[in-house]
Protein backbone atom coordinates (compact mmCIF):
# COMPACT_ATOMS: atom_id res chain seq x y z
CA MET A 1 7.92 -10.72 3.02
CA LYS A 2 5.58 -9.77 5.95
CA VAL A 3 3.84 -6.94 5.97
CA GLU A 4 1.39 -5.49 8.98
CA GLY A 5 -2.23 -5.04 8.39
CA MET A 6 -4.93 -5.04 10.48
CA ARG A 7 -6.60 -8.06 12.29
CA LEU A 8 -10.67 -8.52 10.74
CA VAL A 9 -11.42 -12.28 11.40
CA GLY A 10 -8.45 -14.30 13.39
CA GLY A 11 -7.19 -17.67 12.17
CA ARG A 12 -4.94 -18.52 9.22
CA GLY A 13 -5.21 -19.13 5.54
CA GLN A 14 -2.62 -19.53 3.49
CA GLY A 15 -2.52 -20.35 -0.74
CA PRO A 16 -2.08 -18.91 -4.10
CA ALA A 17 -3.23 -15.18 -4.61
CA VAL A 18 -6.21 -14.17 -6.73
CA VAL A 19 -6.47 -10.66 -7.09
CA CYS A 20 -8.98 -7.88 -7.86
CA PRO A 21 -8.52 -4.54 -8.56
CA VAL A 22 -11.99 -3.70 -8.27
CA PRO A 23 -14.63 -4.56 -5.13
CA ILE A 24 -16.48 -7.21 -5.85
CA SER A 25 -20.29 -7.72 -5.31
CA PHE A 26 -20.49 -11.58 -3.95
CA LEU A 27 -24.02 -11.68 -4.59
CA GLY A 28 -24.51 -11.81 -8.45
CA GLY A 29 -20.85 -11.84 -9.01
CA VAL A 30 -19.46 -15.22 -7.36
CA GLU A 31 -21.33 -18.51 -7.69
CA ALA A 32 -22.09 -19.92 -4.55
CA SER A 33 -21.59 -23.83 -4.96
CA THR A 34 -18.04 -23.59 -7.23
CA GLY A 35 -16.04 -20.17 -5.81
CA ASP A 36 -16.07 -19.26 -9.47
CA ILE A 37 -16.42 -15.01 -10.22
CA ILE A 38 -19.45 -15.01 -12.73
CA ASP A 39 -19.99 -11.21 -12.78
CA PRO A 40 -19.43 -10.35 -16.47
CA HIS A 41 -17.80 -6.52 -15.80
CA SER A 42 -15.13 -8.41 -13.04
CA PRO A 43 -11.08 -7.91 -14.43
CA ILE A 44 -11.12 -11.48 -12.74
CA ARG A 45 -14.37 -12.93 -14.19
CA GLY A 46 -13.61 -16.52 -14.89
CA GLN A 47 -11.24 -16.81 -11.98
CA ASN A 48 -11.70 -19.31 -8.69
CA VAL A 49 -11.62 -18.02 -5.23
CA SER A 50 -12.02 -21.68 -3.25
CA GLY A 51 -8.46 -22.31 -1.34
CA ARG A 52 -7.06 -18.75 -2.50
CA VAL A 53 -6.04 -15.49 -0.57
CA LEU A 54 -8.89 -13.32 -2.27
CA ALA A 55 -7.28 -9.92 -2.12
CA PHE A 56 -9.83 -6.93 -3.23
CA PRO A 57 -10.34 -3.31 -2.01
CA GLY A 58 -13.80 -4.44 -0.54
CA GLY A 59 -17.98 -5.45 -1.09
CA LYS A 60 -20.12 -3.86 -2.95
CA GLY A 61 -23.62 -4.62 -3.63
CA SER A 62 -26.39 -6.51 -1.73
CA THR A 63 -25.45 -7.18 1.98
CA VAL A 64 -27.05 -10.53 1.01
CA GLY A 65 -23.46 -11.13 -0.02
CA SER A 66 -22.39 -11.34 3.22
CA TYR A 67 -24.18 -14.48 3.08
CA VAL A 68 -22.52 -15.74 -0.21
CA LEU A 69 -19.78 -15.94 1.48
CA TYR A 70 -20.94 -17.87 4.61
CA ALA A 71 -22.75 -21.03 1.30
CA LEU A 72 -18.79 -20.78 0.06
CA ALA A 73 -17.63 -21.68 3.44
CA ARG A 74 -20.11 -24.55 4.15
CA ARG A 75 -19.36 -26.04 0.76
CA GLY A 76 -15.68 -25.91 1.10
CA ARG A 77 -15.30 -23.49 -1.23
CA ALA A 78 -14.27 -20.12 0.67
CA PRO A 79 -11.34 -18.68 0.32
CA ALA A 80 -8.41 -19.71 2.26
CA ALA A 81 -8.51 -16.22 3.23
CA ILE A 82 -9.11 -12.64 2.44
CA VAL A 83 -7.24 -9.06 2.05
CA VAL A 84 -9.19 -6.01 2.18
CA GLU A 85 -8.26 -2.54 2.07
CA LYS A 86 -11.07 -0.87 3.82
CA ALA A 87 -13.58 -3.33 6.26
CA ASP A 88 -16.94 -2.94 4.70
CA THR A 89 -20.06 -4.46 6.74
CA ILE A 90 -20.85 -7.09 3.83
CA VAL A 91 -17.18 -8.42 3.93
CA THR A 92 -16.79 -8.19 7.76
CA VAL A 93 -20.16 -10.23 8.69
CA GLY A 94 -19.37 -12.99 5.35
CA ALA A 95 -16.05 -13.31 6.58
CA VAL A 96 -16.87 -13.55 10.33
CA ILE A 97 -19.87 -16.12 9.80
CA GLY A 98 -17.99 -18.23 7.34
CA ASP A 99 -15.38 -18.24 9.79
CA ILE A 100 -12.61 -17.42 6.93
CA PRO A 101 -9.49 -15.08 8.01
CA ALA A 102 -9.55 -11.86 6.95
CA ILE A 103 -7.43 -8.92 7.53
CA TYR A 104 -7.78 -5.15 6.22
CA GLY A 105 -5.96 -1.46 5.56
CA LEU A 106 -3.61 -3.76 2.47
CA PRO A 107 -4.18 -2.49 -1.49
CA PRO A 108 -4.78 -5.50 -3.03
CA ASP A 109 -1.68 -4.82 -5.58
CA MET A 110 0.80 -5.34 -3.35
CA LEU A 111 -0.07 -8.70 -4.63
CA VAL A 112 0.52 -10.33 -7.79
CA ASN A 113 -1.90 -13.15 -9.06
CA GLY A 114 -0.63 -16.73 -8.33
CA GLU A 115 2.02 -15.98 -5.53
CA TRP A 116 1.73 -18.03 -2.67
CA ALA A 117 0.73 -15.53 0.62
CA GLU A 118 0.11 -16.47 4.31
CA VAL A 119 -2.42 -14.57 6.14
CA ASP A 120 -2.63 -14.42 10.09
CA GLY A 121 -5.53 -12.93 10.96
CA ASP A 122 -5.18 -13.15 14.60
CA LYS A 123 -2.01 -11.08 14.49
CA GLY A 124 -2.88 -9.22 10.98
CA THR A 125 -0.38 -10.03 8.60
CA ILE A 126 0.48 -11.40 5.44
CA ARG A 127 3.70 -12.95 4.54
CA VAL A 128 4.59 -13.25 0.75
CA ARG A 129 7.43 -15.38 -0.48
CA ASP A 130 10.00 -14.07 -2.89
CA VAL A 131 9.38 -10.61 -2.18
CA ASP A 132 11.48 -8.46 -0.32
CA ALA A 133 10.08 -5.78 1.53
CA HIS A 134 12.23 -2.48 1.83
CA GLU A 135 11.13 0.54 4.38
CA VAL A 136 11.99 4.06 2.72
CA VAL A 137 10.79 7.66 3.62
CA THR A 138 9.35 9.81 1.15
CA CYS A 139 9.50 13.67 1.67
CA PHE A 140 7.45 15.91 -0.04
CA LEU A 141 8.97 19.84 0.19
CA ARG A 142 6.33 22.74 -0.28
CA ASN A 143 6.77 26.35 -0.75
CA ARG A 144 4.24 28.52 -2.90
CA GLY A 145 1.98 25.81 -3.11
CA GLU A 146 4.86 24.44 -5.39
CA ILE A 147 6.27 20.73 -4.37
CA LEU A 148 9.89 19.65 -5.20
CA LEU A 149 10.29 16.90 -7.30
CA LEU A 150 13.73 15.37 -8.00
CA LYS A 151 14.77 13.67 -10.99
CA ARG A 152 16.84 10.69 -10.21
CA SER A 153 20.68 9.82 -11.38
CA ALA A 154 22.30 6.72 -13.06
CA LYS A 155 23.92 6.24 -9.91
CA VAL A 156 21.30 5.12 -7.41
CA GLY A 157 20.09 1.71 -7.39
CA THR A 158 16.85 1.99 -8.09
CA PHE A 159 14.23 3.88 -10.35
CA ARG A 160 16.56 5.60 -12.48
CA GLY A 161 15.80 8.61 -14.35
CA SER A 162 12.49 9.05 -12.44
CA TRP A 163 11.16 11.60 -10.66
CA GLY A 164 10.51 11.59 -7.12
CA GLY A 165 10.49 13.22 -3.16
CA VAL A 166 13.23 13.00 -1.17
CA SER A 167 13.59 9.63 -0.08
CA GLY A 168 16.05 7.28 2.01
CA TYR A 169 15.72 3.83 2.76
CA LEU A 170 14.89 3.15 6.67
CA GLU A 171 17.96 1.29 8.57
CA GLY A 172 17.58 -0.67 11.47
CA ASN A 173 15.01 0.59 14.17
CA GLU A 174 15.56 4.37 12.75
CA VAL A 175 12.45 6.49 13.59
CA PRO A 176 10.71 7.68 10.14
CA LEU A 177 11.05 11.28 10.69
CA GLU A 178 14.36 11.47 11.79
CA ARG A 179 15.50 9.83 8.36
CA ALA A 180 12.82 12.11 6.88
CA LEU A 181 15.13 14.96 8.12
CA GLN A 182 18.69 13.46 7.32
CA GLU A 183 17.68 12.81 3.83
CA ILE A 184 16.54 16.68 3.31
CA ARG A 185 19.75 17.51 4.68
CA GLU A 186 21.83 15.15 2.95
CA GLU A 187 19.68 15.59 -1.01
CA VAL A 188 19.26 19.27 -0.97
CA GLY A 189 20.88 21.02 1.49
CA GLU A 190 19.37 23.23 4.52
CA LEU A 191 16.07 24.27 3.44
CA GLU A 192 14.82 25.42 7.08
CA ALA A 193 12.07 22.47 6.71
CA ARG A 194 8.86 22.87 8.87
CA LEU A 195 6.82 19.22 9.12
CA VAL A 196 3.51 20.07 8.41
CA SER A 197 1.64 16.15 8.21
CA SER A 198 2.69 12.77 8.29
CA GLY A 199 0.57 10.19 6.49
CA ARG A 200 -0.32 6.31 6.55
CA PRO A 201 2.13 4.36 4.66
CA VAL A 202 1.95 3.75 0.97
CA TYR A 203 2.78 0.12 -0.94
CA ALA A 204 4.63 0.10 -3.98
CA ARG A 205 5.28 -3.03 -5.52
CA ASP A 206 8.04 -3.31 -7.91
CA LYS A 207 8.30 -7.19 -9.42
CA SER A 208 9.51 -9.15 -6.67
CA ASP A 209 10.05 -5.54 -4.67
CA MET A 210 7.52 -3.97 -1.91
CA PHE A 211 8.60 -0.50 -1.36
CA ILE A 212 6.94 0.79 2.06
CA VAL A 213 6.50 4.33 1.71
CA HIS A 214 6.56 6.17 4.95
CA PRO A 215 5.25 10.00 3.24
CA PHE A 216 5.90 13.45 4.75
CA LEU A 217 4.69 16.99 3.94
CA PHE A 218 7.02 20.12 4.65
CA ASP A 219 6.87 23.60 4.27
CA VAL A 220 10.12 25.49 3.05
CA LYS A 221 11.59 28.94 2.98
CA SER A 222 13.29 28.75 0.64
CA ARG A 223 13.54 27.64 -3.31
CA LYS A 224 17.42 26.99 -3.19
CA VAL A 225 18.62 23.41 -3.56
CA ARG A 226 21.65 21.83 -3.27
CA LEU A 227 21.23 18.61 -5.74
CA GLY A 228 24.23 15.61 -4.83
CA TRP A 229 25.03 12.83 -6.73
CA GLU A 230 21.47 11.03 -6.27
CA HIS A 231 19.68 13.59 -8.60
CA VAL A 232 20.40 15.56 -11.85
CA ASP A 233 17.37 17.98 -11.87
CA TYR A 234 14.99 19.26 -9.92
CA ARG A 235 11.68 20.78 -10.67
CA TRP A 236 9.12 23.34 -8.66
CA LEU A 237 5.25 22.21 -9.58
CA PRO A 238 1.66 22.27 -8.47
CA PRO A 239 0.83 18.83 -6.80
CA SER A 240 -1.92 17.99 -9.44
CA GLN A 241 1.00 18.24 -12.19
CA ILE A 242 3.47 15.36 -10.39
CA PRO A 243 4.25 12.86 -13.85
CA GLU A 244 2.69 9.14 -13.12
CA SER A 245 4.34 7.95 -16.00
CA ALA A 246 7.59 9.37 -15.43
CA SER A 247 7.61 9.09 -11.62
CA VAL A 248 8.87 6.56 -9.08
CA PRO A 249 5.64 4.14 -8.32
CA LYS A 250 3.09 5.89 -6.69
CA LEU A 251 4.23 9.23 -5.92
CA ALA A 252 1.04 10.55 -6.28
CA ASP A 253 -0.85 8.07 -3.94
CA ALA A 254 2.03 9.10 -1.01
CA TYR A 255 1.61 12.83 -1.69
CA ALA A 256 -2.01 12.44 -1.01
CA SER A 257 -1.32 10.66 2.09
CA ALA A 258 0.88 12.59 3.30
CA VAL A 259 -1.85 15.88 2.54
CA ASN A 260 -4.13 14.35 4.24
CA GLY A 261 -2.21 13.37 7.22
CA ARG A 262 -1.71 15.28 10.28
CA LEU A 263 0.85 15.65 12.69
CA ALA A 264 -0.12 13.40 15.57
CA ARG A 265 1.49 11.56 18.82
CA GLY A 266 3.46 9.16 17.85
CA VAL A 267 4.91 10.56 14.31
CA ASN A 268 8.87 10.12 15.82
CA LYS A 269 7.74 6.68 17.10
CA ARG A 270 9.25 3.48 15.42
CA ARG A 271 7.46 2.22 11.88
CA GLY A 272 5.92 -1.19 12.22
CA GLY A 273 5.01 -1.81 8.55
CA ALA A 274 7.45 -4.88 7.65
CA ALA A 275 9.54 -7.69 9.48
């Protein structure tokens, strides 16, 4: 699997992944002489970042943390590469002065601890061995402030019995919006859907599969739903009641991305999330 993020610092680095779900304070949190995580509150305390692909949301704490990254690089104990969700000043400066390949725009939970990852800082991409990427669309249909959720049948290939939006796989060079409109017609019938907004892709990991979800929000005039073979039930409910434990992975995140997105030029273009 290869996924596109955004370039932060050029160069290439590879190694086993170290994944931290929370921001890292390098000053006081990482031992500059060894690369050990020493923050007593860190969920990855005791792990070592040297020669690893370090994935985390971003930096926190003192800006002196940038110089901890530099010190790690000077001692040959720096991460092989860095993957962050947000490009904050601490990590950016540290990666630049330490000459550590780095990309941003990807969540840390797209990786699993220990799996081999290859980062290309020049192209802003990451490749993960033995993981398959699948690009999908998920459509949230809204009527009177509530959204439509569908319960997946036992006949579908993935997430049987889970609740989700109208969804489908992208194939070849399909345009996400065109696939979204087609899935609405096929799965729930003609509901006169009007596109409201489209969000940034959401990355949902399920074992050896990575689902790159392109979310859309549509307003519909009717609640009359015609279910096909892919679903056995449906509900209209407030977005705040999306059932986290009983839904497909990252469904609430996909909705948040869709509702906070906007209808902009380029929504009809070919996507570029995975290769």
